[in-house]
PDB file of N, CA and C in Angstrom:
ATOM      1  N   HIS A   1     -82.617  25.186 -74.173  1.00  0.00           N
ATOM      2  CA  HIS A   1     -82.749  24.322 -73.013  1.00  0.00           C
ATOM      3  C   HIS A   1     -82.889  22.854 -73.439  1.00  0.00           C
ATOM      4  N   LEU A   2     -83.644  22.617 -74.522  1.00  0.00           N
ATOM      5  CA  LEU A   2     -83.836  21.255 -75.007  1.00  0.00           C
ATOM      6  C   LEU A   2     -82.519  20.637 -75.496  1.00  0.00           C
ATOM      7  N   ALA A   3     -81.711  21.450 -76.188  1.00  0.00           N
ATOM      8  CA  ALA A   3     -80.428  20.943 -76.656  1.00  0.00           C
ATOM      9  C   ALA A   3     -79.526  20.552 -75.479  1.00  0.00           C
ATOM     10  N   HIS A   4     -79.563  21.346 -74.438  1.00  0.00           N
ATOM     11  CA  HIS A   4     -78.764  21.037 -73.243  1.00  0.00           C
ATOM     12  C   HIS A   4     -79.265  19.734 -72.641  1.00  0.00           C
ATOM     13  N   LYS A   5     -80.573  19.543 -72.556  1.00  0.00           N
ATOM     14  CA  LYS A   5     -81.139  18.318 -71.987  1.00  0.00           C
ATOM     15  C   LYS A   5     -80.767  17.123 -72.850  1.00  0.00           C
ATOM     16  N   ASN A   6     -80.830  17.278 -74.187  1.00  0.00           N
ATOM     17  CA  ASN A   6     -80.450  16.177 -75.074  1.00  0.00           C
ATOM     18  C   ASN A   6     -78.986  15.808 -74.895  1.00  0.00           C
ATOM     19  N   ASN A   7     -78.138  16.810 -74.719  1.00  0.00           N
ATOM     20  CA  ASN A   7     -76.703  16.538 -74.481  1.00  0.00           C
ATOM     21  C   ASN A   7     -76.526  15.797 -73.185  1.00  0.00           C
ATOM     22  N   ASP A   8     -77.284  16.172 -72.148  1.00  0.00           N
ATOM     23  CA  ASP A   8     -77.212  15.477 -70.861  1.00  0.00           C
ATOM     24  C   ASP A   8     -77.625  14.032 -71.021  1.00  0.00           C
ATOM     25  N   VAL A   9     -78.694  13.781 -71.768  1.00  0.00           N
ATOM     26  CA  VAL A   9     -79.176  12.426 -71.998  1.00  0.00           C
ATOM     27  C   VAL A   9     -78.099  11.599 -72.718  1.00  0.00           C
ATOM     28  N   ARG A  10     -77.536  12.179 -73.771  1.00  0.00           N
ATOM     29  CA  ARG A  10     -76.483  11.481 -74.533  1.00  0.00           C
ATOM     30  C   ARG A  10     -75.261  11.228 -73.643  1.00  0.00           C
ATOM     31  N   TYR A  11     -74.906  12.219 -72.861  1.00  0.00           N
ATOM     32  CA  TYR A  11     -73.753  12.064 -71.948  1.00  0.00           C
ATOM     33  C   TYR A  11     -74.022  10.910 -70.973  1.00  0.00           C
ATOM     34  N   ASN A  12     -75.188  10.898 -70.365  1.00  0.00           N
ATOM     35  CA  ASN A  12     -75.512   9.835 -69.414  1.00  0.00           C
ATOM     36  C   ASN A  12     -75.549   8.470 -70.073  1.00  0.00           C
ATOM     37  N   GLN A  13     -76.087   8.401 -71.294  1.00  0.00           N
ATOM     38  CA  GLN A  13     -76.098   7.146 -72.015  1.00  0.00           C
ATOM     39  C   GLN A  13     -74.684   6.651 -72.284  1.00  0.00           C
ATOM     40  N   SER A  14     -73.850   7.548 -72.735  1.00  0.00           N
ATOM     41  CA  SER A  14     -72.420   7.197 -73.021  1.00  0.00           C
ATOM     42  C   SER A  14     -71.729   6.774 -71.754  1.00  0.00           C
ATOM     43  N   ALA A  15     -71.954   7.504 -70.674  1.00  0.00           N
ATOM     44  CA  ALA A  15     -71.316   7.147 -69.397  1.00  0.00           C
ATOM     45  C   ALA A  15     -71.752   5.762 -68.943  1.00  0.00           C
ATOM     46  N   ASN A  16     -73.032   5.442 -69.095  1.00  0.00           N
ATOM     47  CA  ASN A  16     -73.528   4.107 -68.719  1.00  0.00           C
ATOM     48  C   ASN A  16     -72.937   3.022 -69.593  1.00  0.00           C
ATOM     49  N   GLU A  17     -72.826   3.311 -70.899  1.00  0.00           N
ATOM     50  CA  GLU A  17     -72.237   2.317 -71.804  1.00  0.00           C
ATOM     51  C   GLU A  17     -70.779   2.062 -71.443  1.00  0.00           C
ATOM     52  N   PHE A  18     -70.022   3.115 -71.182  1.00  0.00           N
ATOM     53  CA  PHE A  18     -68.612   2.968 -70.822  1.00  0.00           C
ATOM     54  C   PHE A  18     -68.450   2.228 -69.489  1.00  0.00           C
ATOM     55  N   GLU A  19     -69.346   2.535 -68.561  1.00  0.00           N
ATOM     56  CA  GLU A  19     -69.267   1.844 -67.263  1.00  0.00           C
ATOM     57  C   GLU A  19     -69.563   0.365 -67.444  1.00  0.00           C
ATOM     58  N   ASN A  20     -70.565   0.049 -68.260  1.00  0.00           N
ATOM     59  CA  ASN A  20     -70.902  -1.371 -68.525  1.00  0.00           C
ATOM     60  C   ASN A  20     -69.733  -2.096 -69.154  1.00  0.00           C
ATOM     61  N   LEU A  21     -69.066  -1.454 -70.100  1.00  0.00           N
ATOM     62  CA  LEU A  21     -67.878  -2.060 -70.729  1.00  0.00           C
ATOM     63  C   LEU A  21     -66.761  -2.264 -69.703  1.00  0.00           C
ATOM     64  N   ALA A  22     -66.550  -1.277 -68.855  1.00  0.00           N
ATOM     65  CA  ALA A  22     -65.527  -1.373 -67.830  1.00  0.00           C
ATOM     66  C   ALA A  22     -65.822  -2.530 -66.877  1.00  0.00           C
ATOM     67  N   VAL A  23     -67.113  -2.695 -66.523  1.00  0.00           N
ATOM     68  CA  VAL A  23     -67.507  -3.784 -65.630  1.00  0.00           C
ATOM     69  C   VAL A  23     -67.265  -5.137 -66.303  1.00  0.00           C
ATOM     70  N   GLU A  24     -67.593  -5.255 -67.585  1.00  0.00           N
ATOM     71  CA  GLU A  24     -67.372  -6.500 -68.302  1.00  0.00           C
ATOM     72  C   GLU A  24     -65.887  -6.837 -68.361  1.00  0.00           C
ATOM     73  N   ILE A  25     -65.062  -5.845 -68.690  1.00  0.00           N
ATOM     74  CA  ILE A  25     -63.613  -6.069 -68.769  1.00  0.00           C
ATOM     75  C   ILE A  25     -63.039  -6.419 -67.394  1.00  0.00           C
ATOM     76  N   LEU A  26     -63.462  -5.676 -66.359  1.00  0.00           N
ATOM     77  CA  LEU A  26     -62.998  -5.970 -65.012  1.00  0.00           C
ATOM     78  C   LEU A  26     -63.368  -7.367 -64.571  1.00  0.00           C
ATOM     79  N   ASP A  27     -64.606  -7.783 -64.839  1.00  0.00           N
ATOM     80  CA  ASP A  27     -65.076  -9.117 -64.467  1.00  0.00           C
ATOM     81  C   ASP A  27     -64.263 -10.209 -65.170  1.00  0.00           C
ATOM     82  N   ARG A  28     -64.024 -10.014 -66.452  1.00  0.00           N
ATOM     83  CA  ARG A  28     -63.229 -10.984 -67.209  1.00  0.00           C
ATOM     84  C   ARG A  28     -61.792 -11.056 -66.712  1.00  0.00           C
ATOM     85  N   PHE A  29     -61.215  -9.891 -66.486  1.00  0.00           N
ATOM     86  CA  PHE A  29     -59.828  -9.807 -65.954  1.00  0.00           C
ATOM     87  C   PHE A  29     -59.756 -10.541 -64.628  1.00  0.00           C
ATOM     88  N   TYR A  30     -60.738 -10.310 -63.757  1.00  0.00           N
ATOM     89  CA  TYR A  30     -60.740 -10.916 -62.428  1.00  0.00           C
ATOM     90  C   TYR A  30     -60.871 -12.446 -62.523  1.00  0.00           C
ATOM     91  N   GLN A  31     -61.677 -12.907 -63.468  1.00  0.00           N
ATOM     92  CA  GLN A  31     -61.832 -14.350 -63.682  1.00  0.00           C
ATOM     93  C   GLN A  31     -60.526 -14.988 -64.137  1.00  0.00           C
ATOM     94  N   ILE A  32     -59.818 -14.285 -65.024  1.00  0.00           N
ATOM     95  CA  ILE A  32     -58.571 -14.826 -65.579  1.00  0.00           C
ATOM     96  C   ILE A  32     -57.433 -14.757 -64.580  1.00  0.00           C
ATOM     97  N   ASN A  33     -57.297 -13.621 -63.881  1.00  0.00           N
ATOM     98  CA  ASN A  33     -56.175 -13.457 -62.961  1.00  0.00           C
ATOM     99  C   ASN A  33     -56.570 -12.465 -61.854  1.00  0.00           C
ATOM    100  N   ALA A  34     -57.165 -12.986 -60.797  1.00  0.00           N
ATOM    101  CA  ALA A  34     -57.689 -12.154 -59.710  1.00  0.00           C
ATOM    102  C   ALA A  34     -56.593 -11.286 -59.087  1.00  0.00           C
ATOM    103  N   ARG A  35     -55.420 -11.869 -58.901  1.00  0.00           N
ATOM    104  CA  ARG A  35     -54.353 -11.114 -58.228  1.00  0.00           C
ATOM    105  C   ARG A  35     -53.876  -9.931 -59.082  1.00  0.00           C
ATOM    106  N   ALA A  36     -53.659 -10.163 -60.361  1.00  0.00           N
ATOM    107  CA  ALA A  36     -53.244  -9.078 -61.261  1.00  0.00           C
ATOM    108  C   ALA A  36     -54.332  -8.013 -61.368  1.00  0.00           C
ATOM    109  N   CYS A  37     -55.577  -8.429 -61.378  1.00  0.00           N
ATOM    110  CA  CYS A  37     -56.708  -7.513 -61.464  1.00  0.00           C
ATOM    111  C   CYS A  37     -56.739  -6.618 -60.216  1.00  0.00           C
ATOM    112  N   THR A  38     -56.571  -7.216 -59.068  1.00  0.00           N
ATOM    113  CA  THR A  38     -56.594  -6.454 -57.820  1.00  0.00           C
ATOM    114  C   THR A  38     -55.462  -5.434 -57.804  1.00  0.00           C
ATOM    115  N   LYS A  39     -54.283  -5.834 -58.260  1.00  0.00           N
ATOM    116  CA  LYS A  39     -53.155  -4.898 -58.358  1.00  0.00           C
ATOM    117  C   LYS A  39     -53.479  -3.752 -59.310  1.00  0.00           C
ATOM    118  N   ALA A  40     -54.093  -4.082 -60.436  1.00  0.00           N
ATOM    119  CA  ALA A  40     -54.413  -3.064 -61.451  1.00  0.00           C
ATOM    120  C   ALA A  40     -55.399  -2.016 -60.894  1.00  0.00           C
ATOM    121  N   ILE A  41     -56.328  -2.468 -60.081  1.00  0.00           N
ATOM    122  CA  ILE A  41     -57.341  -1.545 -59.536  1.00  0.00           C
ATOM    123  C   ILE A  41     -56.702  -0.464 -58.676  1.00  0.00           C
ATOM    124  N   ILE A  42     -55.602  -0.794 -58.005  1.00  0.00           N
ATOM    125  CA  ILE A  42     -54.970   0.189 -57.089  1.00  0.00           C
ATOM    126  C   ILE A  42     -53.655   0.745 -57.624  1.00  0.00           C
ATOM    127  N   ARG A  43     -53.309   0.378 -58.833  1.00  0.00           N
ATOM    128  CA  ARG A  43     -52.068   0.912 -59.438  1.00  0.00           C
ATOM    129  C   ARG A  43     -52.306   2.359 -59.868  1.00  0.00           C
ATOM    130  N   GLN A  44     -51.353   3.211 -59.579  1.00  0.00           N
ATOM    131  CA  GLN A  44     -51.452   4.610 -59.988  1.00  0.00           C
ATOM    132  C   GLN A  44     -51.171   4.743 -61.481  1.00  0.00           C
ATOM    133  N   ILE A  45     -51.934   5.609 -62.126  1.00  0.00           N
ATOM    134  CA  ILE A  45     -51.802   5.829 -63.568  1.00  0.00           C
ATOM    135  C   ILE A  45     -51.254   7.242 -63.786  1.00  0.00           C
ATOM    136  N   PRO A  46     -49.965   7.326 -64.186  1.00  0.00           N
ATOM    137  CA  PRO A  46     -49.332   8.644 -64.360  1.00  0.00           C
ATOM    138  C   PRO A  46     -50.095   9.568 -65.310  1.00  0.00           C
ATOM    139  N   ALA A  47     -50.641   9.028 -66.389  1.00  0.00           N
ATOM    140  CA  ALA A  47     -51.357   9.847 -67.357  1.00  0.00           C
ATOM    141  C   ALA A  47     -52.629  10.482 -66.777  1.00  0.00           C
ATOM    142  N   TYR A  48     -53.090   9.984 -65.646  1.00  0.00           N
ATOM    143  CA  TYR A  48     -54.271  10.520 -64.992  1.00  0.00           C
ATOM    144  C   TYR A  48     -53.913  11.104 -63.611  1.00  0.00           C
ATOM    145  N   GLY A  49     -52.762  11.729 -63.528  1.00  0.00           N
ATOM    146  CA  GLY A  49     -52.351  12.371 -62.303  1.00  0.00           C
ATOM    147  C   GLY A  49     -52.122  11.403 -61.154  1.00  0.00           C
ATOM    148  N   ASN A  50     -51.664  10.207 -61.498  1.00  0.00           N
ATOM    149  CA  ASN A  50     -51.415   9.137 -60.537  1.00  0.00           C
ATOM    150  C   ASN A  50     -52.661   8.636 -59.818  1.00  0.00           C
ATOM    151  N   ALA A  51     -53.825   8.890 -60.398  1.00  0.00           N
ATOM    152  CA  ALA A  51     -55.071   8.326 -59.864  1.00  0.00           C
ATOM    153  C   ALA A  51     -55.111   6.832 -60.153  1.00  0.00           C
ATOM    154  N   THR A  52     -55.844   6.100 -59.339  1.00  0.00           N
ATOM    155  CA  THR A  52     -56.033   4.667 -59.558  1.00  0.00           C
ATOM    156  C   THR A  52     -57.382   4.434 -60.261  1.00  0.00           C
ATOM    157  N   TRP A  53     -57.589   3.217 -60.738  1.00  0.00           N
ATOM    158  CA  TRP A  53     -58.893   2.893 -61.319  1.00  0.00           C
ATOM    159  C   TRP A  53     -59.977   3.151 -60.302  1.00  0.00           C
ATOM    160  N   LEU A  54     -59.739   2.753 -59.068  1.00  0.00           N
ATOM    161  CA  LEU A  54     -60.734   2.909 -58.007  1.00  0.00           C
ATOM    162  C   LEU A  54     -61.053   4.399 -57.773  1.00  0.00           C
ATOM    163  N   GLU A  55     -60.029   5.216 -57.714  1.00  0.00           N
ATOM    164  CA  GLU A  55     -60.257   6.668 -57.537  1.00  0.00           C
ATOM    165  C   GLU A  55     -61.044   7.270 -58.686  1.00  0.00           C
ATOM    166  N   LEU A  56     -60.714   6.845 -59.909  1.00  0.00           N
ATOM    167  CA  LEU A  56     -61.463   7.353 -61.068  1.00  0.00           C
ATOM    168  C   LEU A  56     -62.926   6.886 -61.016  1.00  0.00           C
ATOM    169  N   ALA A  57     -63.143   5.655 -60.604  1.00  0.00           N
ATOM    170  CA  ALA A  57     -64.505   5.138 -60.503  1.00  0.00           C
ATOM    171  C   ALA A  57     -65.298   5.913 -59.443  1.00  0.00           C
ATOM    172  N   ILE A  58     -64.658   6.221 -58.335  1.00  0.00           N
ATOM    173  CA  ILE A  58     -65.331   6.977 -57.281  1.00  0.00           C
ATOM    174  C   ILE A  58     -65.701   8.365 -57.777  1.00  0.00           C
ATOM    175  N   LYS A  59     -64.749   9.033 -58.438  1.00  0.00           N
ATOM    176  CA  LYS A  59     -65.007  10.384 -58.963  1.00  0.00           C
ATOM    177  C   LYS A  59     -66.129  10.367 -59.992  1.00  0.00           C
ATOM    178  N   ALA A  60     -66.218   9.288 -60.767  1.00  0.00           N
ATOM    179  CA  ALA A  60     -67.241   9.172 -61.812  1.00  0.00           C
ATOM    180  C   ALA A  60     -68.553   8.635 -61.254  1.00  0.00           C
ATOM    181  N   GLU A  61     -68.573   8.327 -59.953  1.00  0.00           N
ATOM    182  CA  GLU A  61     -69.764   7.728 -59.323  1.00  0.00           C
ATOM    183  C   GLU A  61     -70.198   6.486 -60.079  1.00  0.00           C
ATOM    184  N   ALA A  62     -69.193   5.666 -60.445  1.00  0.00           N
ATOM    185  CA  ALA A  62     -69.435   4.427 -61.193  1.00  0.00           C
ATOM    186  C   ALA A  62     -69.788   3.301 -60.226  1.00  0.00           C
ATOM    187  N   LYS A  63     -71.014   3.355 -59.740  1.00  0.00           N
ATOM    188  CA  LYS A  63     -71.451   2.434 -58.688  1.00  0.00           C
ATOM    189  C   LYS A  63     -71.390   0.970 -59.087  1.00  0.00           C
ATOM    190  N   GLN A  64     -71.744   0.685 -60.349  1.00  0.00           N
ATOM    191  CA  GLN A  64     -71.693  -0.707 -60.812  1.00  0.00           C
ATOM    192  C   GLN A  64     -70.263  -1.228 -60.759  1.00  0.00           C
ATOM    193  N   PHE A  65     -69.326  -0.404 -61.212  1.00  0.00           N
ATOM    194  CA  PHE A  65     -67.908  -0.777 -61.201  1.00  0.00           C
ATOM    195  C   PHE A  65     -67.439  -1.012 -59.758  1.00  0.00           C
ATOM    196  N   ILE A  66     -67.739  -0.072 -58.880  1.00  0.00           N
ATOM    197  CA  ILE A  66     -67.304  -0.147 -57.491  1.00  0.00           C
ATOM    198  C   ILE A  66     -67.892  -1.354 -56.794  1.00  0.00           C
ATOM    199  N   ALA A  67     -69.091  -1.761 -57.174  1.00  0.00           N
ATOM    200  CA  ALA A  67     -69.785  -2.865 -56.518  1.00  0.00           C
ATOM    201  C   ALA A  67     -69.270  -4.241 -56.962  1.00  0.00           C
ATOM    202  N   GLN A  68     -68.389  -4.289 -57.972  1.00  0.00           N
ATOM    203  CA  GLN A  68     -67.912  -5.569 -58.468  1.00  0.00           C
ATOM    204  C   GLN A  68     -67.061  -6.305 -57.446  1.00  0.00           C
ATOM    205  N   ARG A  69     -67.133  -7.619 -57.489  1.00  0.00           N
ATOM    206  CA  ARG A  69     -66.355  -8.475 -56.570  1.00  0.00           C
ATOM    207  C   ARG A  69     -64.873  -8.132 -56.609  1.00  0.00           C
ATOM    208  N   ALA A  70     -64.353  -7.867 -57.799  1.00  0.00           N
ATOM    209  CA  ALA A  70     -62.926  -7.555 -57.929  1.00  0.00           C
ATOM    210  C   ALA A  70     -62.538  -6.325 -57.089  1.00  0.00           C
ATOM    211  N   VAL A  71     -63.413  -5.361 -57.023  1.00  0.00           N
ATOM    212  CA  VAL A  71     -63.149  -4.144 -56.263  1.00  0.00           C
ATOM    213  C   VAL A  71     -63.382  -4.382 -54.786  1.00  0.00           C
ATOM    214  N   GLN A  72     -64.413  -5.145 -54.465  1.00  0.00           N
ATOM    215  CA  GLN A  72     -64.770  -5.369 -53.060  1.00  0.00           C
ATOM    216  C   GLN A  72     -63.814  -6.316 -52.342  1.00  0.00           C
ATOM    217  N   ASP A  73     -63.227  -7.243 -53.093  1.00  0.00           N
ATOM    218  CA  ASP A  73     -62.271  -8.181 -52.514  1.00  0.00           C
ATOM    219  C   ASP A  73     -61.044  -7.451 -52.163  1.00  0.00           C
TER     220      ASP A  73
END
């Protein structure tokens, strides 16, 4: 049971780190080119079953990512 809990903790830490990186990249992209960033958020990605960044963020419950100005605009 402890090993499972440790794996959950590591998983959550990694998920948070990746979300933070995604937020940083999204914010920078939006600062540089808001229009291209907005298009990228809703562009379908064939390698991910034509899901969009936004759909992936919703499935991952990436609330920080979803709350970003780039996504909300």
